[in-house]
Amino acid sequence: MAGIEKYLRQSALPHIWCPGCGNGILLAAILRAVDKLGLDQKKTVVVSGIGCSSRASGYMNFNTVHTAHGRALTFATGIKLAKPELNVIVLTGDGDATAIGGNHFIHAARRNVDITTVIFNNSIYGMTGGQYSPLTPMDAKATTAPFGHIERSFDIAALAIAAGATYVARGTAFHAQLLTDLVVKGIENKGFSVIDAITQCPISYGRKNKMGSAADMLAWQRDHAVMAQAVAKMSPEDLQGKFVIGELYRTVAPEYTAEYDKLIARVEKKGGK
C-alpha cells in the first residue's frame, strides 16, 4: 500500500471485507492508477452503489457518494453534467451494475458519458447472502441456485461494446499491475469506459463451488486468463474455458457532456428559441 495511503480515509479503516476477498487488491490498483495520473483529489469524485464492492468509496479520500442500489451511474451522470471538469469514477459490483442497475448501465454507455466504471466482478451477491447475479457462470452454485445455475451469464465486455462504450477492458485481481494500467487508460479515455475486474469471493462463491482458498482462486484467475494479444494465435479449442484480459475495445464517439454544452451554446446564441 506504500505511496497510496494519502488516498485512504484512515479513520474508516479497518475495512469490512472478508479475509481473502480480492476487493482490497482492486481498490489498491485503482488508487495506483489515480496516483500514476496525478489526479487532483479535490477534483475527483468516486461514486458507488450497494454491495461489497461499493463499500470501497467509503475508504477513499476523495469526494465520494454512496448511492442507492443500482443507481451509481445515474448519480455519476448528474455529477458529470453539473461539473464536467471533474474526474468521475464509479465502483460497482456485478449485481449492482448488471441486475438492478442494468438499464442505467446500457444507457450510460449509449450516451458515452465521460465516466470510468470499474465493475468488481466476483460472480455473486456477496454481501446480501450469496444469491446468483447476472454474471454468475452457468452451472455454478449459489444460495438461490443450490442445484446449479441454469442461466447464461452476461459477457459484460460484449454488452458494454454493443451499448456504445468507447473503452472496454478486463483485468483480474491476480493481474494487479495490468489492472492498474487498464484503469489509467479508462480514465484517460474521453467517454464511457468499462473495466470488468474479475475478483475472488472465497466465502459466498468459493465455498459454495469448492474452489479452495483465496490463493487457489487467484491461481484460477492466472490459469484461465488469456491476454488479448495472444487470442489471434489460439484455436477455439485452446480458448475453451478461458477468458480474455487486457484492452478489448477502443473507439471514438461524441461525448455526452460535450454535446450537451454545444446544445446549450446553440440555444443561447438563438436567444432561447
C-alpha atoms as a PDB file:
ATOM      1  CA  MET A   1       0.000   0.000   0.000  1.00  0.00           C
ATOM      2  CA  ALA A   2       3.087   2.217   0.064  1.00  0.00           C
ATOM      3  CA  GLY A   3       2.568   5.509  -1.725  1.00  0.00           C
ATOM      4  CA  ILE A   4      -1.220   5.414  -1.799  1.00  0.00           C
ATOM      5  CA  GLU A   5      -2.010   5.972   1.893  1.00  0.00           C
ATOM      6  CA  LYS A   6      -2.892   9.594   1.184  1.00  0.00           C
ATOM      7  CA  TYR A   7      -5.839   8.370  -0.882  1.00  0.00           C
ATOM      8  CA  LEU A   8      -7.308   6.406   2.041  1.00  0.00           C
ATOM      9  CA  ARG A   9      -9.507   7.603   4.892  1.00  0.00           C
ATOM     10  CA  GLN A  10      -7.516   6.104   7.731  1.00  0.00           C
ATOM     11  CA  SER A  11     -10.347   6.790  10.168  1.00  0.00           C
ATOM     12  CA  ALA A  12     -12.625   4.455   8.174  1.00  0.00           C
ATOM     13  CA  LEU A  13     -10.247   1.514   8.430  1.00  0.00           C
ATOM     14  CA  PRO A  14     -10.083  -1.419   9.050  1.00  0.00           C
ATOM     15  CA  HIS A  15     -12.322  -2.459   6.166  1.00  0.00           C
ATOM     16  CA  ILE A  16     -15.242  -4.870   6.418  1.00  0.00           C
ATOM     17  CA  TRP A  17     -14.204  -7.227   3.603  1.00  0.00           C
ATOM     18  CA  CYS A  18     -13.782 -10.906   4.415  1.00  0.00           C
ATOM     19  CA  PRO A  19     -10.308 -12.495   4.660  1.00  0.00           C
ATOM     20  CA  GLY A  20      -9.125 -13.390   1.172  1.00  0.00           C
ATOM     21  CA  CYS A  21     -11.545 -11.057  -0.623  1.00  0.00           C
ATOM     22  CA  GLY A  22      -9.998  -9.511  -3.716  1.00  0.00           C
ATOM     23  CA  ASN A  23     -11.695  -6.144  -3.322  1.00  0.00           C
ATOM     24  CA  GLY A  24      -8.709  -4.687  -1.496  1.00  0.00           C
ATOM     25  CA  ILE A  25      -6.441  -5.635  -4.400  1.00  0.00           C
ATOM     26  CA  LEU A  26      -8.811  -3.908  -6.820  1.00  0.00           C
ATOM     27  CA  LEU A  27      -9.016  -0.827  -4.602  1.00  0.00           C
ATOM     28  CA  ALA A  28      -5.218  -0.583  -4.472  1.00  0.00           C
ATOM     29  CA  ALA A  29      -4.991  -0.954  -8.266  1.00  0.00           C
ATOM     30  CA  ILE A  30      -7.470   1.891  -8.748  1.00  0.00           C
ATOM     31  CA  LEU A  31      -5.610   4.134  -6.308  1.00  0.00           C
ATOM     32  CA  ARG A  32      -2.322   3.420  -8.063  1.00  0.00           C
ATOM     33  CA  ALA A  33      -3.964   4.462 -11.330  1.00  0.00           C
ATOM     34  CA  VAL A  34      -5.122   7.723  -9.740  1.00  0.00           C
ATOM     35  CA  ASP A  35      -1.619   8.294  -8.376  1.00  0.00           C
ATOM     36  CA  LYS A  36       0.012   7.495 -11.719  1.00  0.00           C
ATOM     37  CA  LEU A  37      -2.183  10.098 -13.428  1.00  0.00           C
ATOM     38  CA  GLY A  38      -1.664  12.635 -10.639  1.00  0.00           C
ATOM     39  CA  LEU A  39      -5.385  13.364 -10.399  1.00  0.00           C
ATOM     40  CA  ASP A  40      -6.396  16.197  -8.073  1.00  0.00           C
ATOM     41  CA  GLN A  41      -8.194  14.609  -5.107  1.00  0.00           C
ATOM     42  CA  LYS A  42     -10.447  17.642  -4.796  1.00  0.00           C
ATOM     43  CA  LYS A  43     -11.495  17.333  -8.430  1.00  0.00           C
ATOM     44  CA  THR A  44     -12.098  13.585  -8.353  1.00  0.00           C
ATOM     45  CA  VAL A  45     -15.435  12.045  -7.397  1.00  0.00           C
ATOM     46  CA  VAL A  46     -15.927   8.358  -6.597  1.00  0.00           C
ATOM     47  CA  VAL A  47     -19.498   7.067  -6.794  1.00  0.00           C
ATOM     48  CA  SER A  48     -20.688   3.640  -5.663  1.00  0.00           C
ATOM     49  CA  GLY A  49     -23.960   1.752  -5.280  1.00  0.00           C
ATOM     50  CA  ILE A  50     -24.722  -1.014  -2.790  1.00  0.00           C
ATOM     51  CA  GLY A  51     -22.769  -4.208  -2.129  1.00  0.00           C
ATOM     52  CA  CYS A  52     -19.345  -5.412  -1.011  1.00  0.00           C
ATOM     53  CA  SER A  53     -17.545  -3.547  -3.777  1.00  0.00           C
ATOM     54  CA  SER A  54     -19.481  -0.367  -3.162  1.00  0.00           C
ATOM     55  CA  ARG A  55     -18.037  -0.076   0.329  1.00  0.00           C
ATOM     56  CA  ALA A  56     -14.768   0.919  -1.346  1.00  0.00           C
ATOM     57  CA  SER A  57     -15.853   4.536  -1.783  1.00  0.00           C
ATOM     58  CA  GLY A  58     -16.097   4.930   1.984  1.00  0.00           C
ATOM     59  CA  TYR A  59     -12.403   4.161   2.368  1.00  0.00           C
ATOM     60  CA  MET A  60     -11.266   6.578  -0.340  1.00  0.00           C
ATOM     61  CA  ASN A  61     -10.175  10.118   0.472  1.00  0.00           C
ATOM     62  CA  PHE A  62     -11.964  11.903  -2.369  1.00  0.00           C
ATOM     63  CA  ASN A  63     -15.367  13.461  -2.820  1.00  0.00           C
ATOM     64  CA  THR A  64     -17.420  10.271  -2.549  1.00  0.00           C
ATOM     65  CA  VAL A  65     -21.077   9.316  -2.892  1.00  0.00           C
ATOM     66  CA  HIS A  66     -22.512   6.011  -1.635  1.00  0.00           C
ATOM     67  CA  THR A  67     -25.796   5.842  -3.536  1.00  0.00           C
ATOM     68  CA  ALA A  68     -28.854   3.604  -3.806  1.00  0.00           C
ATOM     69  CA  HIS A  69     -28.708   0.058  -5.152  1.00  0.00           C
ATOM     70  CA  GLY A  70     -28.061   0.048  -8.895  1.00  0.00           C
ATOM     71  CA  ARG A  71     -28.145   3.829  -9.184  1.00  0.00           C
ATOM     72  CA  ALA A  72     -24.443   4.724  -9.069  1.00  0.00           C
ATOM     73  CA  LEU A  73     -24.322   5.590 -12.769  1.00  0.00           C
ATOM     74  CA  THR A  74     -27.369   7.864 -12.580  1.00  0.00           C
ATOM     75  CA  PHE A  75     -25.812   9.873  -9.751  1.00  0.00           C
ATOM     76  CA  ALA A  76     -22.469   9.897 -11.585  1.00  0.00           C
ATOM     77  CA  THR A  77     -24.126  11.149 -14.776  1.00  0.00           C
ATOM     78  CA  GLY A  78     -25.726  14.016 -12.856  1.00  0.00           C
ATOM     79  CA  ILE A  79     -22.407  14.930 -11.256  1.00  0.00           C
ATOM     80  CA  LYS A  80     -20.614  14.908 -14.619  1.00  0.00           C
ATOM     81  CA  LEU A  81     -23.298  17.039 -16.248  1.00  0.00           C
ATOM     82  CA  ALA A  82     -23.225  19.588 -13.422  1.00  0.00           C
ATOM     83  CA  LYS A  83     -19.408  19.674 -13.208  1.00  0.00           C
ATOM     84  CA  PRO A  84     -17.882  18.348 -16.448  1.00  0.00           C
ATOM     85  CA  GLU A  85     -14.404  19.294 -15.268  1.00  0.00           C
ATOM     86  CA  LEU A  86     -14.478  16.639 -12.521  1.00  0.00           C
ATOM     87  CA  ASN A  87     -12.941  13.192 -12.833  1.00  0.00           C
ATOM     88  CA  VAL A  88     -15.801  10.778 -12.129  1.00  0.00           C
ATOM     89  CA  ILE A  89     -15.117   7.141 -11.232  1.00  0.00           C
ATOM     90  CA  VAL A  90     -17.841   4.594 -10.486  1.00  0.00           C
ATOM     91  CA  LEU A  91     -17.170   1.492  -8.404  1.00  0.00           C
ATOM     92  CA  THR A  92     -19.902  -1.100  -8.689  1.00  0.00           C
ATOM     93  CA  GLY A  93     -20.476  -4.843  -8.377  1.00  0.00           C
ATOM     94  CA  ASP A  94     -21.651  -7.425 -10.881  1.00  0.00           C
ATOM     95  CA  GLY A  95     -25.152  -7.458  -9.383  1.00  0.00           C
ATOM     96  CA  ASP A  96     -25.321  -3.718  -8.727  1.00  0.00           C
ATOM     97  CA  ALA A  97     -24.265  -2.863 -12.301  1.00  0.00           C
ATOM     98  CA  THR A  98     -25.961  -5.511 -14.406  1.00  0.00           C
ATOM     99  CA  ALA A  99     -29.113  -6.515 -12.491  1.00  0.00           C
ATOM    100  CA  ILE A 100     -30.966  -3.675 -10.763  1.00  0.00           C
ATOM    101  CA  GLY A 101     -28.598  -1.196 -12.441  1.00  0.00           C
ATOM    102  CA  GLY A 102     -28.553  -2.864 -15.857  1.00  0.00           C
ATOM    103  CA  ASN A 103     -30.795  -0.327 -17.566  1.00  0.00           C
ATOM    104  CA  HIS A 104     -28.692   2.570 -16.272  1.00  0.00           C
ATOM    105  CA  PHE A 105     -25.532   0.773 -17.395  1.00  0.00           C
ATOM    106  CA  ILE A 106     -26.567   0.380 -21.029  1.00  0.00           C
ATOM    107  CA  HIS A 107     -27.810   3.970 -21.318  1.00  0.00           C
ATOM    108  CA  ALA A 108     -24.688   5.455 -19.717  1.00  0.00           C
ATOM    109  CA  ALA A 109     -22.742   3.505 -22.336  1.00  0.00           C
ATOM    110  CA  ARG A 110     -25.100   4.632 -25.122  1.00  0.00           C
ATOM    111  CA  ARG A 111     -24.707   8.278 -24.133  1.00  0.00           C
ATOM    112  CA  ASN A 112     -20.924   7.845 -23.859  1.00  0.00           C
ATOM    113  CA  VAL A 113     -20.748   9.874 -20.663  1.00  0.00           C
ATOM    114  CA  ASP A 114     -17.133  10.575 -19.626  1.00  0.00           C
ATOM    115  CA  ILE A 115     -17.215   8.223 -16.622  1.00  0.00           C
ATOM    116  CA  THR A 116     -14.837   5.402 -15.740  1.00  0.00           C
ATOM    117  CA  THR A 117     -16.750   2.396 -14.374  1.00  0.00           C
ATOM    118  CA  VAL A 118     -14.893  -0.409 -12.620  1.00  0.00           C
ATOM    119  CA  ILE A 119     -17.069  -3.489 -12.088  1.00  0.00           C
ATOM    120  CA  PHE A 120     -15.919  -5.622  -9.174  1.00  0.00           C
ATOM    121  CA  ASN A 121     -16.921  -8.944 -10.750  1.00  0.00           C
ATOM    122  CA  ASN A 122     -16.926 -11.716  -8.130  1.00  0.00           C
ATOM    123  CA  SER A 123     -19.772 -13.638  -9.830  1.00  0.00           C
ATOM    124  CA  ILE A 124     -22.094 -13.443  -6.820  1.00  0.00           C
ATOM    125  CA  TYR A 125     -24.101 -11.209  -4.486  1.00  0.00           C
ATOM    126  CA  GLY A 126     -21.544 -11.465  -1.691  1.00  0.00           C
ATOM    127  CA  MET A 127     -22.957  -9.040   0.865  1.00  0.00           C
ATOM    128  CA  THR A 128     -26.633  -9.992   0.809  1.00  0.00           C
ATOM    129  CA  GLY A 129     -26.463 -13.748   1.128  1.00  0.00           C
ATOM    130  CA  GLY A 130     -24.726 -15.342  -1.838  1.00  0.00           C
ATOM    131  CA  GLN A 131     -27.525 -15.138  -4.408  1.00  0.00           C
ATOM    132  CA  TYR A 132     -26.583 -15.609  -8.063  1.00  0.00           C
ATOM    133  CA  SER A 133     -26.033 -12.497 -10.189  1.00  0.00           C
ATOM    134  CA  PRO A 134     -26.238 -11.881 -13.958  1.00  0.00           C
ATOM    135  CA  LEU A 135     -22.515 -12.681 -14.077  1.00  0.00           C
ATOM    136  CA  THR A 136     -22.659 -15.980 -12.186  1.00  0.00           C
ATOM    137  CA  PRO A 137     -21.335 -18.671 -14.556  1.00  0.00           C
ATOM    138  CA  MET A 138     -23.698 -21.337 -15.839  1.00  0.00           C
ATOM    139  CA  ASP A 139     -23.705 -24.489 -13.644  1.00  0.00           C
ATOM    140  CA  ALA A 140     -22.193 -22.623 -10.662  1.00  0.00           C
ATOM    141  CA  LYS A 141     -23.938 -22.901  -7.315  1.00  0.00           C
ATOM    142  CA  ALA A 142     -25.384 -20.111  -5.190  1.00  0.00           C
ATOM    143  CA  THR A 143     -27.818 -19.864  -2.300  1.00  0.00           C
ATOM    144  CA  THR A 144     -30.555 -19.210  -4.870  1.00  0.00           C
ATOM    145  CA  ALA A 145     -29.216 -21.911  -7.191  1.00  0.00           C
ATOM    146  CA  PRO A 146     -28.395 -24.819  -4.851  1.00  0.00           C
ATOM    147  CA  PHE A 147     -28.530 -27.376  -7.682  1.00  0.00           C
ATOM    148  CA  GLY A 148     -26.583 -25.258 -10.157  1.00  0.00           C
ATOM    149  CA  HIS A 149     -27.234 -22.069 -12.105  1.00  0.00           C
ATOM    150  CA  ILE A 150     -29.092 -22.695 -15.388  1.00  0.00           C
ATOM    151  CA  GLU A 151     -28.962 -19.169 -16.864  1.00  0.00           C
ATOM    152  CA  ARG A 152     -26.279 -17.959 -19.235  1.00  0.00           C
ATOM    153  CA  SER A 153     -24.248 -15.111 -17.786  1.00  0.00           C
ATOM    154  CA  PHE A 154     -23.670 -11.743 -19.404  1.00  0.00           C
ATOM    155  CA  ASP A 155     -20.410 -11.101 -21.206  1.00  0.00           C
ATOM    156  CA  ILE A 156     -20.043  -7.663 -19.652  1.00  0.00           C
ATOM    157  CA  ALA A 157     -17.455  -6.551 -22.219  1.00  0.00           C
ATOM    158  CA  ALA A 158     -19.641  -7.537 -25.175  1.00  0.00           C
ATOM    159  CA  LEU A 159     -22.636  -5.851 -23.524  1.00  0.00           C
ATOM    160  CA  ALA A 160     -20.690  -2.615 -22.960  1.00  0.00           C
ATOM    161  CA  ILE A 161     -19.376  -2.562 -26.540  1.00  0.00           C
ATOM    162  CA  ALA A 162     -22.809  -3.219 -28.032  1.00  0.00           C
ATOM    163  CA  ALA A 163     -24.350  -0.481 -25.863  1.00  0.00           C
ATOM    164  CA  GLY A 164     -21.849   2.154 -27.009  1.00  0.00           C
ATOM    165  CA  ALA A 165     -18.960   2.329 -24.527  1.00  0.00           C
ATOM    166  CA  THR A 166     -15.815   3.719 -26.137  1.00  0.00           C
ATOM    167  CA  TYR A 167     -13.245   1.945 -23.924  1.00  0.00           C
ATOM    168  CA  VAL A 168     -13.689  -1.617 -22.665  1.00  0.00           C
ATOM    169  CA  ALA A 169     -11.143  -3.750 -20.854  1.00  0.00           C
ATOM    170  CA  ARG A 170     -10.909  -6.707 -18.498  1.00  0.00           C
ATOM    171  CA  GLY A 171      -8.452  -7.439 -15.725  1.00  0.00           C
ATOM    172  CA  THR A 172      -8.217  -9.586 -12.621  1.00  0.00           C
ATOM    173  CA  ALA A 173      -7.127  -9.330  -9.022  1.00  0.00           C
ATOM    174  CA  PHE A 174      -4.212 -11.629  -9.865  1.00  0.00           C
ATOM    175  CA  HIS A 175      -3.018  -9.369 -12.695  1.00  0.00           C
ATOM    176  CA  ALA A 176      -2.975  -6.310 -10.437  1.00  0.00           C
ATOM    177  CA  GLN A 177      -0.416  -4.260 -12.386  1.00  0.00           C
ATOM    178  CA  LEU A 178      -2.274  -4.839 -15.636  1.00  0.00           C
ATOM    179  CA  LEU A 179      -5.483  -3.765 -13.906  1.00  0.00           C
ATOM    180  CA  THR A 180      -3.846  -0.502 -12.832  1.00  0.00           C
ATOM    181  CA  ASP A 181      -2.755   0.162 -16.419  1.00  0.00           C
ATOM    182  CA  LEU A 182      -6.264  -0.547 -17.731  1.00  0.00           C
ATOM    183  CA  VAL A 183      -7.845   1.847 -15.217  1.00  0.00           C
ATOM    184  CA  VAL A 184      -5.330   4.513 -16.260  1.00  0.00           C
ATOM    185  CA  LYS A 185      -6.389   4.109 -19.897  1.00  0.00           C
ATOM    186  CA  GLY A 186     -10.048   4.120 -18.893  1.00  0.00           C
ATOM    187  CA  ILE A 187      -9.684   7.416 -17.041  1.00  0.00           C
ATOM    188  CA  GLU A 188      -7.737   8.932 -19.940  1.00  0.00           C
ATOM    189  CA  ASN A 189     -10.489   7.986 -22.406  1.00  0.00           C
ATOM    190  CA  LYS A 190     -12.885  10.866 -23.045  1.00  0.00           C
ATOM    191  CA  GLY A 191     -16.050   8.828 -22.957  1.00  0.00           C
ATOM    192  CA  PHE A 192     -17.688   5.916 -21.156  1.00  0.00           C
ATOM    193  CA  SER A 193     -15.061   3.441 -20.003  1.00  0.00           C
ATOM    194  CA  VAL A 194     -15.743  -0.006 -18.548  1.00  0.00           C
ATOM    195  CA  ILE A 195     -13.212  -2.196 -16.784  1.00  0.00           C
ATOM    196  CA  ASP A 196     -14.502  -5.680 -15.924  1.00  0.00           C
ATOM    197  CA  ALA A 197     -12.365  -6.524 -12.877  1.00  0.00           C
ATOM    198  CA  ILE A 198     -12.593 -10.213 -12.042  1.00  0.00           C
ATOM    199  CA  THR A 199     -12.028 -10.830  -8.356  1.00  0.00           C
ATOM    200  CA  GLN A 200     -12.432 -13.647  -5.874  1.00  0.00           C
ATOM    201  CA  CYS A 201     -15.116 -14.114  -3.209  1.00  0.00           C
ATOM    202  CA  PRO A 202     -13.800 -17.100  -1.235  1.00  0.00           C
ATOM    203  CA  ILE A 203     -16.748 -17.069   1.195  1.00  0.00           C
ATOM    204  CA  SER A 204     -20.042 -16.695  -0.656  1.00  0.00           C
ATOM    205  CA  TYR A 205     -18.851 -18.042  -4.027  1.00  0.00           C
ATOM    206  CA  GLY A 206     -15.674 -20.031  -3.417  1.00  0.00           C
ATOM    207  CA  ARG A 207     -17.016 -22.235  -0.632  1.00  0.00           C
ATOM    208  CA  LYS A 208     -20.254 -22.986  -2.467  1.00  0.00           C
ATOM    209  CA  ASN A 209     -18.358 -24.023  -5.579  1.00  0.00           C
ATOM    210  CA  LYS A 210     -15.474 -25.801  -3.841  1.00  0.00           C
ATOM    211  CA  MET A 211     -12.826 -23.543  -5.358  1.00  0.00           C
ATOM    212  CA  GLY A 212     -10.467 -23.798  -2.416  1.00  0.00           C
ATOM    213  CA  SER A 213      -8.699 -20.941  -0.670  1.00  0.00           C
ATOM    214  CA  ALA A 214      -8.373 -17.346  -1.819  1.00  0.00           C
ATOM    215  CA  ALA A 215      -4.900 -18.237  -3.109  1.00  0.00           C
ATOM    216  CA  ASP A 216      -6.416 -21.100  -5.114  1.00  0.00           C
ATOM    217  CA  MET A 217      -8.968 -18.709  -6.614  1.00  0.00           C
ATOM    218  CA  LEU A 218      -6.210 -16.274  -7.590  1.00  0.00           C
ATOM    219  CA  ALA A 219      -4.346 -19.167  -9.207  1.00  0.00           C
ATOM    220  CA  TRP A 220      -7.546 -19.993 -11.122  1.00  0.00           C
ATOM    221  CA  GLN A 221      -7.580 -16.432 -12.494  1.00  0.00           C
ATOM    222  CA  ARG A 222      -3.942 -16.798 -13.528  1.00  0.00           C
ATOM    223  CA  ASP A 223      -4.512 -20.143 -15.257  1.00  0.00           C
ATOM    224  CA  HIS A 224      -7.733 -19.228 -17.087  1.00  0.00           C
ATOM    225  CA  ALA A 225      -6.877 -15.725 -18.306  1.00  0.00           C
ATOM    226  CA  VAL A 226      -5.558 -15.130 -21.810  1.00  0.00           C
ATOM    227  CA  MET A 227      -4.005 -11.840 -22.883  1.00  0.00           C
ATOM    228  CA  ALA A 228      -5.906 -10.140 -25.704  1.00  0.00           C
ATOM    229  CA  GLN A 229      -2.778 -10.040 -27.878  1.00  0.00           C
ATOM    230  CA  ALA A 230      -2.492 -13.848 -27.760  1.00  0.00           C
ATOM    231  CA  VAL A 231      -6.061 -14.676 -28.801  1.00  0.00           C
ATOM    232  CA  ALA A 232      -5.462 -14.456 -32.567  1.00  0.00           C
ATOM    233  CA  LYS A 233      -2.842 -17.203 -32.335  1.00  0.00           C
ATOM    234  CA  MET A 234      -5.087 -19.599 -30.386  1.00  0.00           C
ATOM    235  CA  SER A 235      -7.597 -22.135 -31.670  1.00  0.00           C
ATOM    236  CA  PRO A 236     -11.202 -22.310 -30.389  1.00  0.00           C
ATOM    237  CA  GLU A 237     -10.191 -25.479 -28.545  1.00  0.00           C
ATOM    238  CA  ASP A 238      -7.339 -23.685 -26.794  1.00  0.00           C
ATOM    239  CA  LEU A 239      -9.727 -20.912 -25.734  1.00  0.00           C
ATOM    240  CA  GLN A 240     -12.324 -23.283 -24.309  1.00  0.00           C
ATOM    241  CA  GLY A 241     -12.960 -22.413 -20.665  1.00  0.00           C
ATOM    242  CA  LYS A 242     -10.689 -19.343 -20.839  1.00  0.00           C
ATOM    243  CA  PHE A 243     -11.453 -15.621 -20.664  1.00  0.00           C
ATOM    244  CA  VAL A 244      -9.678 -12.709 -22.330  1.00  0.00           C
ATOM    245  CA  ILE A 245      -7.974  -9.926 -20.393  1.00  0.00           C
ATOM    246  CA  GLY A 246      -6.404  -6.640 -21.441  1.00  0.00           C
ATOM    247  CA  GLU A 247      -7.716  -3.852 -23.630  1.00  0.00           C
ATOM    248  CA  LEU A 248     -10.661  -5.301 -25.561  1.00  0.00           C
ATOM    249  CA  TYR A 249     -12.094  -2.313 -27.407  1.00  0.00           C
ATOM    250  CA  ARG A 250     -11.397   1.337 -28.085  1.00  0.00           C
ATOM    251  CA  THR A 251     -13.144   3.792 -30.358  1.00  0.00           C
ATOM    252  CA  VAL A 252     -14.073   7.473 -30.600  1.00  0.00           C
ATOM    253  CA  ALA A 253     -17.620   8.837 -30.378  1.00  0.00           C
ATOM    254  CA  PRO A 254     -19.296  12.091 -29.297  1.00  0.00           C
ATOM    255  CA  GLU A 255     -19.147  12.503 -25.509  1.00  0.00           C
ATOM    256  CA  TYR A 256     -22.418  13.359 -23.811  1.00  0.00           C
ATOM    257  CA  THR A 257     -21.468  16.329 -21.628  1.00  0.00           C
ATOM    258  CA  ALA A 258     -19.566  17.961 -24.505  1.00  0.00           C
ATOM    259  CA  GLU A 259     -22.597  17.556 -26.777  1.00  0.00           C
ATOM    260  CA  TYR A 260     -24.834  18.955 -24.031  1.00  0.00           C
ATOM    261  CA  ASP A 261     -22.608  22.043 -23.743  1.00  0.00           C
ATOM    262  CA  LYS A 262     -22.840  22.529 -27.519  1.00  0.00           C
ATOM    263  CA  LEU A 263     -26.619  22.341 -27.315  1.00  0.00           C
ATOM    264  CA  ILE A 264     -26.724  24.973 -24.560  1.00  0.00           C
ATOM    265  CA  ALA A 265     -24.430  27.245 -26.600  1.00  0.00           C
ATOM    266  CA  ARG A 266     -26.662  26.921 -29.677  1.00  0.00           C
ATOM    267  CA  VAL A 267     -29.797  27.673 -27.707  1.00  0.00           C
ATOM    268  CA  GLU A 268     -28.236  30.690 -26.012  1.00  0.00           C
ATOM    269  CA  LYS A 269     -26.993  32.010 -29.359  1.00  0.00           C
ATOM    270  CA  LYS A 270     -30.537  31.858 -30.719  1.00  0.00           C
ATOM    271  CA  GLY A 271     -31.868  33.655 -27.680  1.00  0.00           C
ATOM    272  CA  GLY A 272     -33.532  30.606 -26.178  1.00  0.00           C
ATOM    273  CA  LYS A 273     -35.618  29.842 -29.298  1.00  0.00           C
END
